[in-house]
């Protein structure tokens, strides 16, 4: 083991690279490795864990993001799924990564509302955004149980007014090293699809008829990508909001594009434009094209910390 920590034998090449980048960031910010108790009962020293992040803020690239993370933990609602240790001390987690990416945009909205609209329109040019009205993180509708029945949080949400004056939002799922979850939405204590999810599917009529049938009989499992999409669409339908979903992940993430394309192929034609994927590299690069000067250093730091895989050649 070197200063970057122990290798995890279960990592794919891609995950190992992501873990190594975060270990390098840990060294750059002069943080020691926090020991990790593995399922094998042994103590390991993986380079992406720190301790005391809830006080030091070292998992965040800006003071604003750190303060907002502290605020969300302090005011955490019973149904919210924010995990304190993951947020403050796991450098590899996509949860703090989302705070590092979207908190600067949230801060920009407060200080330069016209600029944030321009920046997000550049970053997401295919969406009918006239004016951005809100940027937030870890959003779960309070009435989630009456929507799709799922409390899988939107990692980020961008609310906007469209060119036609209609209110809408973009639900954003961020992924870094992890794949989209394979955990299935089931009725508690059974192997059957969740009743509320099935009700939502019948009401929305978003899937092709044969896919609906496969979901009802269990041949198609309601994994994370389905659950996220259903929550977003049911929330939009209830409150008469234009709704879209995006998955952001590194360009060579092994599964994101394939999963999004697979879901798109199962949707009725009018729903196919409701979900897409975009690489983090493209998203950050577009933000940097025209964001206010005072934010450029932050987004450059983000790109270096999470996406500069060329750094690994020097290790």
Protein backbone atom coordinates (compact mmCIF):
# COMPACT_ATOMS: atom_id res chain seq x y z
CA UNK A 1 0.00 0.00 0.00
CA UNK A 2 1.29 3.48 -0.92
CA UNK A 3 0.05 6.95 0.05
CA UNK A 4 -2.96 6.48 -2.22
CA UNK A 5 -4.24 3.51 -0.26
CA UNK A 6 -5.11 -0.10 -0.73
CA UNK A 7 -6.55 -1.48 -3.96
CA UNK A 8 -9.98 -3.08 -3.77
CA UNK A 9 -9.96 -6.47 -5.47
CA UNK A 10 -13.61 -6.18 -6.51
CA UNK A 11 -13.12 -3.02 -8.57
CA UNK A 12 -13.44 -3.05 -12.33
CA UNK A 13 -10.78 -1.08 -14.22
CA UNK A 14 -13.16 1.89 -14.48
CA UNK A 15 -14.09 1.90 -10.78
CA UNK A 16 -10.43 1.46 -9.79
CA UNK A 17 -9.53 4.53 -11.86
CA UNK A 18 -12.29 6.58 -10.22
CA UNK A 19 -11.17 5.44 -6.76
CA UNK A 20 -7.58 6.30 -7.59
CA UNK A 21 -8.52 9.81 -8.72
CA UNK A 22 -10.28 10.41 -5.41
CA UNK A 23 -7.31 9.01 -3.49
CA UNK A 24 -5.14 11.51 -5.33
CA UNK A 25 -7.53 14.30 -4.36
CA UNK A 26 -7.32 13.14 -0.72
CA UNK A 27 -3.55 13.43 -0.85
CA UNK A 28 -3.81 16.87 -2.47
CA UNK A 29 -5.99 18.17 0.39
CA UNK A 30 -3.69 16.52 2.95
CA UNK A 31 -6.22 14.14 4.52
CA UNK A 32 -5.36 10.79 6.05
CA UNK A 33 -7.15 7.57 5.12
CA UNK A 34 -9.95 6.49 7.41
CA UNK A 35 -9.79 2.73 8.10
CA UNK A 36 -12.68 0.78 6.63
CA UNK A 37 -14.10 -2.40 8.19
CA UNK A 38 -14.88 -4.74 5.33
CA UNK A 39 -17.43 -7.51 5.07
CA UNK A 40 -14.54 -9.93 5.45
CA UNK A 41 -14.09 -8.66 9.02
CA UNK A 42 -10.69 -7.15 8.16
CA UNK A 43 -9.62 -3.52 8.34
CA UNK A 44 -8.83 -1.99 4.96
CA UNK A 45 -7.33 1.31 3.90
CA UNK A 46 -9.08 2.40 0.73
CA UNK A 47 -7.89 5.79 -0.42
CA UNK A 48 -11.31 7.39 -0.94
CA UNK A 49 -12.32 7.55 2.74
CA UNK A 50 -11.59 10.40 5.13
CA UNK A 51 -12.80 11.17 8.64
CA UNK A 52 -14.12 14.38 10.15
CA UNK A 53 -15.44 15.72 6.85
CA UNK A 54 -18.52 17.02 8.62
CA UNK A 55 -16.20 19.53 10.35
CA UNK A 56 -13.46 20.08 7.77
CA UNK A 57 -15.62 20.21 4.63
CA UNK A 58 -12.81 18.55 2.67
CA UNK A 59 -15.23 16.59 0.47
CA UNK A 60 -16.49 19.85 -1.03
CA UNK A 61 -14.95 22.21 -3.53
CA UNK A 62 -16.62 25.36 -2.20
CA UNK A 63 -17.68 26.75 1.17
CA UNK A 64 -21.17 27.23 -0.25
CA UNK A 65 -21.53 23.51 -1.04
CA UNK A 66 -20.25 22.56 2.42
CA UNK A 67 -22.66 24.94 4.16
CA UNK A 68 -25.57 23.70 2.10
CA UNK A 69 -24.69 20.07 2.86
CA UNK A 70 -24.60 20.89 6.58
CA UNK A 71 -27.97 22.65 6.28
CA UNK A 72 -29.59 19.69 4.51
CA UNK A 73 -28.35 17.26 7.16
CA UNK A 74 -29.51 19.54 9.98
CA UNK A 75 -32.98 19.88 8.43
CA UNK A 76 -33.26 16.35 7.06
CA UNK A 77 -36.87 15.22 6.67
CA UNK A 78 -37.94 11.74 7.75
CA UNK A 79 -38.45 10.54 4.19
CA UNK A 80 -35.19 11.97 2.79
CA UNK A 81 -32.36 9.58 1.95
CA UNK A 82 -29.30 11.81 2.39
CA UNK A 83 -26.57 9.83 4.16
CA UNK A 84 -24.38 11.95 6.41
CA UNK A 85 -21.21 9.85 6.41
CA UNK A 86 -21.41 9.23 2.67
CA UNK A 87 -21.91 12.94 2.03
CA UNK A 88 -19.03 14.18 4.17
CA UNK A 89 -16.47 11.36 4.19
CA UNK A 90 -16.74 9.20 1.06
CA UNK A 91 -14.80 10.99 -1.68
CA UNK A 92 -15.90 8.45 -4.29
CA UNK A 93 -19.63 8.88 -3.74
CA UNK A 94 -21.80 10.52 -6.39
CA UNK A 95 -23.86 12.24 -3.68
CA UNK A 96 -21.21 14.82 -2.69
CA UNK A 97 -20.17 14.97 -6.35
CA UNK A 98 -23.67 16.25 -7.16
CA UNK A 99 -23.33 18.92 -4.46
CA UNK A 100 -19.97 19.94 -5.92
CA UNK A 101 -21.48 20.22 -9.40
CA UNK A 102 -24.84 21.85 -8.71
CA UNK A 103 -24.20 24.02 -5.65
CA UNK A 104 -22.16 26.50 -7.74
CA UNK A 105 -25.17 26.76 -10.08
CA UNK A 106 -27.47 27.21 -7.08
CA UNK A 107 -25.16 29.94 -5.77
CA UNK A 108 -25.03 31.51 -9.25
CA UNK A 109 -28.83 31.60 -9.38
CA UNK A 110 -28.89 33.63 -6.16
CA UNK A 111 -26.23 36.07 -7.33
CA UNK A 112 -26.57 36.18 -11.12
CA UNK A 113 -29.99 34.77 -12.15
CA UNK A 114 -29.64 35.81 -15.77
CA UNK A 115 -26.22 34.19 -15.99
CA UNK A 116 -27.38 30.85 -14.63
CA UNK A 117 -30.15 30.70 -17.24
CA UNK A 118 -27.62 31.36 -19.99
CA UNK A 119 -25.18 28.81 -18.56
CA UNK A 120 -27.77 26.04 -18.22
CA UNK A 121 -29.23 26.74 -21.66
CA UNK A 122 -25.72 26.31 -23.08
CA UNK A 123 -25.17 23.12 -21.07
CA UNK A 124 -28.58 21.66 -22.00
CA UNK A 125 -29.37 23.18 -25.41
CA UNK A 126 -32.13 20.76 -26.44
CA UNK A 127 -34.51 21.71 -23.63
CA UNK A 128 -37.10 24.53 -23.96
CA UNK A 129 -35.67 26.69 -21.16
CA UNK A 130 -36.56 30.37 -21.16
CA UNK A 131 -35.72 31.11 -17.53
CA UNK A 132 -34.23 28.96 -14.75
CA UNK A 133 -36.18 29.47 -11.53
CA UNK A 134 -34.59 26.96 -9.13
CA UNK A 135 -31.65 24.61 -8.72
CA UNK A 136 -31.78 22.13 -5.86
CA UNK A 137 -30.39 18.79 -4.72
CA UNK A 138 -31.64 15.51 -3.23
CA UNK A 139 -35.26 16.31 -4.03
CA UNK A 140 -38.05 13.91 -3.09
CA UNK A 141 -41.64 15.13 -3.43
CA UNK A 142 -43.32 15.14 -0.02
CA UNK A 143 -46.23 13.21 -1.54
CA UNK A 144 -44.00 10.56 -3.16
CA UNK A 145 -46.15 7.76 -1.71
CA UNK A 146 -49.14 8.98 -3.75
CA UNK A 147 -47.06 9.41 -6.89
CA UNK A 148 -44.99 6.38 -7.89
CA UNK A 149 -44.66 5.19 -4.29
CA UNK A 150 -40.88 5.50 -4.54
CA UNK A 151 -38.63 7.83 -2.55
CA UNK A 152 -35.59 7.53 -4.78
CA UNK A 153 -34.28 11.10 -4.70
CA UNK A 154 -33.58 13.23 -7.72
CA UNK A 155 -29.87 13.98 -7.21
CA UNK A 156 -30.51 17.43 -8.63
CA UNK A 157 -33.51 19.25 -10.04
CA UNK A 158 -33.51 22.27 -12.35
CA UNK A 159 -36.84 24.10 -12.50
CA UNK A 160 -37.58 26.43 -15.38
CA UNK A 161 -40.18 28.37 -17.32
CA UNK A 162 -40.32 27.31 -20.95
CA UNK A 163 -40.49 29.38 -24.11
CA UNK A 164 -44.28 28.90 -24.12
CA UNK A 165 -44.62 30.06 -20.50
CA UNK A 166 -45.11 26.53 -19.14
CA UNK A 167 -43.36 25.57 -15.89
CA UNK A 168 -41.17 22.50 -16.02
CA UNK A 169 -38.22 20.71 -14.50
CA UNK A 170 -35.30 18.45 -15.35
CA UNK A 171 -34.67 15.61 -12.89
CA UNK A 172 -30.99 14.73 -12.84
CA UNK A 173 -29.37 11.50 -11.72
CA UNK A 174 -25.60 11.70 -11.29
CA UNK A 175 -23.36 8.66 -11.47
CA UNK A 176 -19.63 8.46 -10.95
CA UNK A 177 -18.10 5.04 -10.38
CA UNK A 178 -21.32 3.20 -9.54
CA UNK A 179 -23.82 1.74 -11.98
CA UNK A 180 -27.52 2.51 -11.92
CA UNK A 181 -29.00 0.45 -9.12
CA UNK A 182 -30.39 -3.02 -9.71
CA UNK A 183 -32.60 -2.96 -6.61
CA UNK A 184 -36.20 -3.55 -7.63
CA UNK A 185 -39.39 -1.75 -6.50
CA UNK A 186 -41.39 -4.54 -4.83
CA UNK A 187 -44.42 -4.66 -2.59
CA UNK A 188 -43.10 -5.05 0.96
CA UNK A 189 -42.58 -8.69 1.89
CA UNK A 190 -43.35 -9.99 -1.61
CA UNK A 191 -41.74 -10.56 -4.99
CA UNK A 192 -44.50 -8.61 -6.73
CA UNK A 193 -44.07 -5.15 -8.30
CA UNK A 194 -45.15 -2.32 -6.01
CA UNK A 195 -48.88 -1.69 -6.39
CA UNK A 196 -48.51 2.09 -6.49
CA UNK A 197 -45.89 1.79 -9.23
CA UNK A 198 -48.23 -0.34 -11.32
CA UNK A 199 -51.04 2.14 -10.78
CA UNK A 200 -48.75 4.97 -11.94
CA UNK A 201 -47.76 3.02 -15.04
CA UNK A 202 -51.43 2.44 -15.94
CA UNK A 203 -52.24 6.13 -15.45
CA UNK A 204 -49.25 7.51 -17.36
CA UNK A 205 -49.43 5.01 -20.23
CA UNK A 206 -45.75 5.71 -20.86
CA UNK A 207 -44.70 2.16 -21.80
CA UNK A 208 -45.52 0.15 -24.87
CA UNK A 209 -48.41 -2.27 -24.15
CA UNK A 210 -46.19 -5.37 -24.27
CA UNK A 211 -43.73 -3.78 -21.83
CA UNK A 212 -46.56 -2.95 -19.42
CA UNK A 213 -47.52 -6.62 -19.53
CA UNK A 214 -43.94 -7.66 -18.83
CA UNK A 215 -43.80 -5.31 -15.82
CA UNK A 216 -47.10 -6.64 -14.43
CA UNK A 217 -45.98 -10.26 -14.62
CA UNK A 218 -42.45 -9.55 -13.37
CA UNK A 219 -40.51 -10.27 -16.56
CA UNK A 220 -39.34 -6.62 -16.64
CA UNK A 221 -38.00 -5.50 -13.27
CA UNK A 222 -38.53 -1.97 -11.96
CA UNK A 223 -34.88 -1.18 -11.28
CA UNK A 224 -33.51 2.27 -10.46
CA UNK A 225 -33.75 3.76 -13.93
CA UNK A 226 -37.47 2.82 -14.10
CA UNK A 227 -38.15 4.02 -10.56
CA UNK A 228 -36.49 7.39 -11.16
CA UNK A 229 -38.34 7.89 -14.42
CA UNK A 230 -41.73 7.00 -12.93
CA UNK A 231 -41.26 9.36 -9.98
CA UNK A 232 -40.27 12.22 -12.29
CA UNK A 233 -43.16 11.64 -14.71
CA UNK A 234 -45.80 11.16 -12.02
CA UNK A 235 -44.62 14.31 -10.23
CA UNK A 236 -44.80 16.27 -13.48
CA UNK A 237 -48.24 14.88 -14.32
CA UNK A 238 -49.73 15.67 -10.92
CA UNK A 239 -48.52 19.27 -10.85
CA UNK A 240 -48.90 19.90 -14.59
CA UNK A 241 -45.21 20.48 -15.13
CA UNK A 242 -43.18 19.67 -18.22
CA UNK A 243 -40.88 16.88 -17.05
CA UNK A 244 -37.56 15.56 -18.30
CA UNK A 245 -34.91 13.22 -16.91
CA UNK A 246 -31.17 13.20 -17.51
CA UNK A 247 -28.45 10.86 -16.31
CA UNK A 248 -25.01 12.46 -16.00
CA UNK A 249 -21.99 10.15 -15.85
CA UNK A 250 -18.37 10.10 -17.04
CA UNK A 251 -17.99 9.62 -20.78
CA UNK A 252 -16.66 6.07 -20.50
CA UNK A 253 -19.03 4.95 -17.76
CA UNK A 254 -19.70 1.30 -18.67
CA UNK A 255 -23.49 1.08 -18.38
CA UNK A 256 -25.30 4.42 -18.48
CA UNK A 257 -25.82 4.84 -22.23
CA UNK A 258 -26.90 1.24 -22.65
CA UNK A 259 -29.48 1.47 -19.83
CA UNK A 260 -30.94 4.74 -21.09
CA UNK A 261 -31.24 3.40 -24.63
CA UNK A 262 -32.87 0.23 -23.32
CA UNK A 263 -35.51 2.22 -21.41
CA UNK A 264 -36.14 4.52 -24.37
CA UNK A 265 -36.88 1.50 -26.57
CA UNK A 266 -39.60 0.43 -24.11
CA UNK A 267 -41.39 3.78 -24.02
CA UNK A 268 -44.22 4.99 -26.22
CA UNK A 269 -43.08 7.41 -28.89
CA UNK A 270 -44.31 10.54 -27.08
CA UNK A 271 -42.18 9.68 -24.03
CA UNK A 272 -38.89 8.90 -25.77
CA UNK A 273 -37.65 12.50 -25.57
CA UNK A 274 -38.32 12.56 -21.81
CA UNK A 275 -35.09 10.80 -20.82
CA UNK A 276 -31.52 11.05 -22.03
CA UNK A 277 -27.94 10.77 -20.88
CA UNK A 278 -25.10 13.27 -21.12
CA UNK A 279 -21.45 12.90 -20.23
CA UNK A 280 -20.16 14.87 -17.27
CA UNK A 281 -17.28 15.99 -19.49
CA UNK A 282 -19.67 17.61 -21.99
CA UNK A 283 -21.87 19.11 -19.29
CA UNK A 284 -18.97 20.71 -17.40
CA UNK A 285 -17.25 21.80 -20.59
CA UNK A 286 -20.38 23.63 -21.75
CA UNK A 287 -20.78 25.31 -18.35
CA UNK A 288 -17.23 26.60 -18.59
CA UNK A 289 -17.95 28.16 -21.99
CA UNK A 290 -19.88 31.09 -20.56
CA UNK A 291 -20.15 30.92 -16.76
CA UNK A 292 -19.16 34.06 -14.81
CA UNK A 293 -15.41 34.31 -14.24
CA UNK A 294 -15.64 33.78 -10.48
CA UNK A 295 -17.09 30.28 -10.98
CA UNK A 296 -14.64 29.00 -13.58
CA UNK A 297 -12.02 27.91 -11.07
CA UNK A 298 -14.59 25.81 -9.23
CA UNK A 299 -15.71 23.98 -12.36
CA UNK A 300 -12.09 23.48 -13.41
CA UNK A 301 -11.43 21.95 -9.98
CA UNK A 302 -14.43 19.70 -10.46
CA UNK A 303 -13.17 18.55 -13.83
CA UNK A 304 -9.68 17.92 -12.48
CA UNK A 305 -10.88 16.04 -9.40
CA UNK A 306 -13.46 13.78 -11.02
CA UNK A 307 -12.70 13.58 -14.73
CA UNK A 308 -8.98 14.09 -15.33
CA UNK A 309 -8.14 10.42 -15.84
CA UNK A 310 -4.92 11.44 -17.61
CA UNK A 311 -3.51 12.15 -14.13
CA UNK A 312 -3.39 8.40 -13.50
CA UNK A 313 -0.55 8.03 -15.99
CA UNK A 314 1.75 9.87 -13.62
CA UNK A 315 1.10 7.47 -10.70
